[in-house]
Amino acid sequence: MVIVNNQLKVAKIKMAYILSFLVGIGMIIPIFVVRAVTFEHLIMSVLGIGLFLYFIYLLISEPQYIYMEEAKGKLQIKTYPARPVLRQYKAFEINLNTLSHFELRKSFLGLKSSLTLWIQTKKGSGAYPPLSLSALSKAEQQKISKYLSSKSINRAKNIIQL
């Protein structure tokens, strides 16, 4: 059963990365090149700065492709950053009977969501690296939260800050 797959949204985010950077820089450069700066150049520069700030926002929020699936008592997760360069593909599998609890937190003025999964082993508990849920809609985040709440062993330790 597929829990979440945001492949189409990540494709749009990759395009937004590229366009906001290239168009933003392309709109800012003319103000430094021309000798006589006109009102149109200033408007173009302001729009370029806005696009470049959107690019910075995307860098800070770190949206990720996330594919979660439950199969044969295991939770399979595949993920990679939505940025078009320097991607690190990650995949891991968690036995659902070892899923202790999870933390779903918001940070950076509520714009960045992250999910940390904790498992219980014979030697103690351990956490997987946090996953950025910024590319998921609020409904998809709530779906993940509801699913993990039903599967976690220590429900009292679950932290949900949506």
Protein backbone atom coordinates (compact mmCIF):
# COMPACT_ATOMS: atom_id res chain seq x y z
CA MET A 1 0.00 0.00 0.00
CA VAL A 2 1.50 3.33 -1.08
CA ILE A 3 1.17 5.91 1.67
CA VAL A 4 2.65 8.92 -0.12
CA ASN A 5 4.34 9.64 -3.46
CA ASN A 6 5.01 13.29 -4.41
CA GLN A 7 6.85 12.70 -7.68
CA LEU A 8 4.82 15.18 -9.77
CA LYS A 9 5.13 17.99 -7.24
CA VAL A 10 8.89 17.45 -7.00
CA ALA A 11 9.18 17.75 -10.79
CA LYS A 12 7.47 21.16 -10.53
CA ILE A 13 9.76 22.18 -7.68
CA LYS A 14 12.86 21.23 -9.72
CA MET A 15 11.59 23.44 -12.53
CA ALA A 16 10.95 26.25 -10.02
CA TYR A 17 14.55 25.94 -8.77
CA ILE A 18 15.94 26.30 -12.28
CA LEU A 19 13.61 29.05 -13.46
CA SER A 20 13.77 31.17 -10.31
CA PHE A 21 17.57 31.12 -10.36
CA LEU A 22 18.12 31.69 -14.07
CA VAL A 23 15.33 34.21 -14.64
CA GLY A 24 16.05 35.97 -11.34
CA ILE A 25 19.73 36.43 -12.15
CA GLY A 26 18.87 37.31 -15.74
CA MET A 27 16.61 40.11 -14.55
CA ILE A 28 19.13 41.50 -12.05
CA ILE A 29 22.20 41.59 -14.35
CA PRO A 30 21.00 44.34 -16.75
CA ILE A 31 21.02 46.98 -14.02
CA PHE A 32 24.79 46.46 -13.67
CA VAL A 33 25.45 46.43 -17.42
CA VAL A 34 23.53 49.45 -18.78
CA ARG A 35 24.80 53.00 -18.35
CA ALA A 36 21.45 54.75 -18.07
CA VAL A 37 19.17 52.97 -15.60
CA THR A 38 15.50 53.49 -16.41
CA PHE A 39 12.35 52.83 -14.42
CA GLU A 40 11.84 49.59 -16.38
CA HIS A 41 15.29 48.40 -15.32
CA LEU A 42 14.40 49.03 -11.68
CA ILE A 43 11.12 47.12 -11.96
CA MET A 44 12.90 44.26 -13.69
CA SER A 45 15.54 44.21 -10.93
CA VAL A 46 12.92 44.15 -8.18
CA LEU A 47 11.18 41.21 -9.89
CA GLY A 48 14.55 39.49 -10.30
CA ILE A 49 15.35 39.96 -6.61
CA GLY A 50 11.92 38.52 -5.75
CA LEU A 51 12.61 35.44 -7.87
CA PHE A 52 16.07 35.05 -6.38
CA LEU A 53 14.58 35.27 -2.84
CA TYR A 54 12.14 32.52 -3.84
CA PHE A 55 15.16 30.44 -4.88
CA ILE A 56 16.74 31.06 -1.46
CA TYR A 57 13.44 30.04 0.20
CA LEU A 58 13.52 26.76 -1.73
CA LEU A 59 17.08 26.14 -0.57
CA ILE A 60 16.17 26.76 3.06
CA SER A 61 12.95 24.70 3.06
CA GLU A 62 14.78 21.73 1.47
CA PRO A 63 11.82 20.01 -0.22
CA GLN A 64 12.34 16.29 -0.86
CA TYR A 65 10.86 13.56 -3.01
CA ILE A 66 9.32 11.04 -0.64
CA TYR A 67 7.91 7.66 -1.51
CA MET A 68 6.49 5.65 1.39
CA GLU A 69 5.03 2.21 1.02
CA GLU A 70 3.98 -0.52 3.43
CA ALA A 71 4.81 -3.99 2.18
CA LYS A 72 5.01 -7.27 4.12
CA GLY A 73 5.15 -5.66 7.55
CA LYS A 74 7.85 -3.21 6.53
CA LEU A 75 7.81 0.50 5.82
CA GLN A 76 9.87 1.28 2.71
CA ILE A 77 11.01 4.87 2.25
CA LYS A 78 12.80 6.31 -0.77
CA THR A 79 13.87 9.93 -0.77
CA TYR A 80 16.07 12.53 -2.44
CA PRO A 81 16.29 16.34 -2.37
CA ALA A 82 14.17 18.15 -4.96
CA ARG A 83 17.03 20.41 -6.00
CA PRO A 84 18.32 19.70 -9.51
CA VAL A 85 22.01 19.30 -8.51
CA LEU A 86 23.98 17.54 -5.75
CA ARG A 87 21.30 14.96 -5.00
CA GLN A 88 21.84 12.15 -2.56
CA TYR A 89 19.44 9.26 -3.07
CA LYS A 90 18.45 7.44 0.11
CA ALA A 91 16.30 4.40 0.71
CA PHE A 92 15.64 2.49 3.88
CA GLU A 93 13.30 -0.11 5.24
CA ILE A 94 11.86 -0.26 8.74
CA ASN A 95 10.20 -3.26 10.33
CA LEU A 96 6.89 -1.92 11.61
CA ASN A 97 7.17 -3.97 14.78
CA THR A 98 10.33 -1.97 15.70
CA LEU A 99 8.86 1.50 14.99
CA SER A 100 8.99 3.09 18.43
CA HIS A 101 7.72 6.60 17.77
CA PHE A 102 8.11 9.58 15.45
CA GLU A 103 8.54 13.33 15.61
CA LEU A 104 6.82 15.61 13.11
CA ARG A 105 8.04 19.17 13.65
CA LYS A 106 7.82 22.54 11.96
CA SER A 107 10.73 24.97 11.93
CA PHE A 108 11.92 28.11 10.15
CA LEU A 109 8.79 30.16 10.89
CA GLY A 110 6.56 27.15 10.20
CA LEU A 111 7.74 26.81 6.59
CA LYS A 112 9.88 23.69 6.98
CA SER A 113 8.43 20.38 8.18
CA SER A 114 10.59 17.45 9.18
CA LEU A 115 9.88 13.86 10.17
CA THR A 116 12.18 11.81 12.39
CA LEU A 117 11.49 8.11 12.84
CA TRP A 118 12.67 6.27 15.96
CA ILE A 119 13.10 2.52 16.15
CA GLN A 120 13.50 0.23 19.14
CA THR A 121 16.33 -2.29 18.94
CA LYS A 122 17.80 -4.73 21.44
CA LYS A 123 20.54 -2.21 22.26
CA GLY A 124 18.18 0.75 22.72
CA SER A 125 16.41 3.25 20.52
CA GLY A 126 17.82 4.99 17.47
CA ALA A 127 16.67 7.67 15.07
CA TYR A 128 16.82 7.80 11.31
CA PRO A 129 17.98 11.06 9.71
CA PRO A 130 15.14 13.60 9.46
CA LEU A 131 13.08 13.73 6.27
CA SER A 132 11.89 17.07 4.96
CA LEU A 133 8.14 17.06 4.35
CA SER A 134 8.08 20.59 2.91
CA ALA A 135 7.10 19.33 -0.55
CA LEU A 136 4.02 17.56 0.83
CA SER A 137 0.61 19.12 1.24
CA LYS A 138 -0.90 19.49 4.69
CA ALA A 139 -3.31 16.63 3.91
CA GLU A 140 -0.42 14.34 2.95
CA GLN A 141 1.46 15.27 6.13
CA GLN A 142 -1.63 14.47 8.19
CA LYS A 143 -2.02 11.16 6.33
CA ILE A 144 1.57 10.23 7.25
CA SER A 145 0.99 11.32 10.84
CA LYS A 146 -2.20 9.26 11.15
CA TYR A 147 -0.56 6.20 9.58
CA LEU A 148 2.56 6.38 11.77
CA SER A 149 0.44 6.98 14.89
CA SER A 150 -1.45 3.77 14.21
CA LYS A 151 1.78 1.77 13.67
CA SER A 152 4.06 3.15 16.41
CA ILE A 153 4.68 1.18 19.59
CA ASN A 154 5.18 4.11 22.02
CA ARG A 155 2.31 6.39 20.96
CA ALA A 156 2.81 8.55 24.05
CA LYS A 157 6.23 9.67 22.74
CA ASN A 158 4.90 10.80 19.34
CA ILE A 159 5.42 14.52 18.76
CA ILE A 160 3.16 16.15 16.18
CA GLN A 161 3.50 19.88 15.53
CA LEU A 162 1.56 20.61 12.35
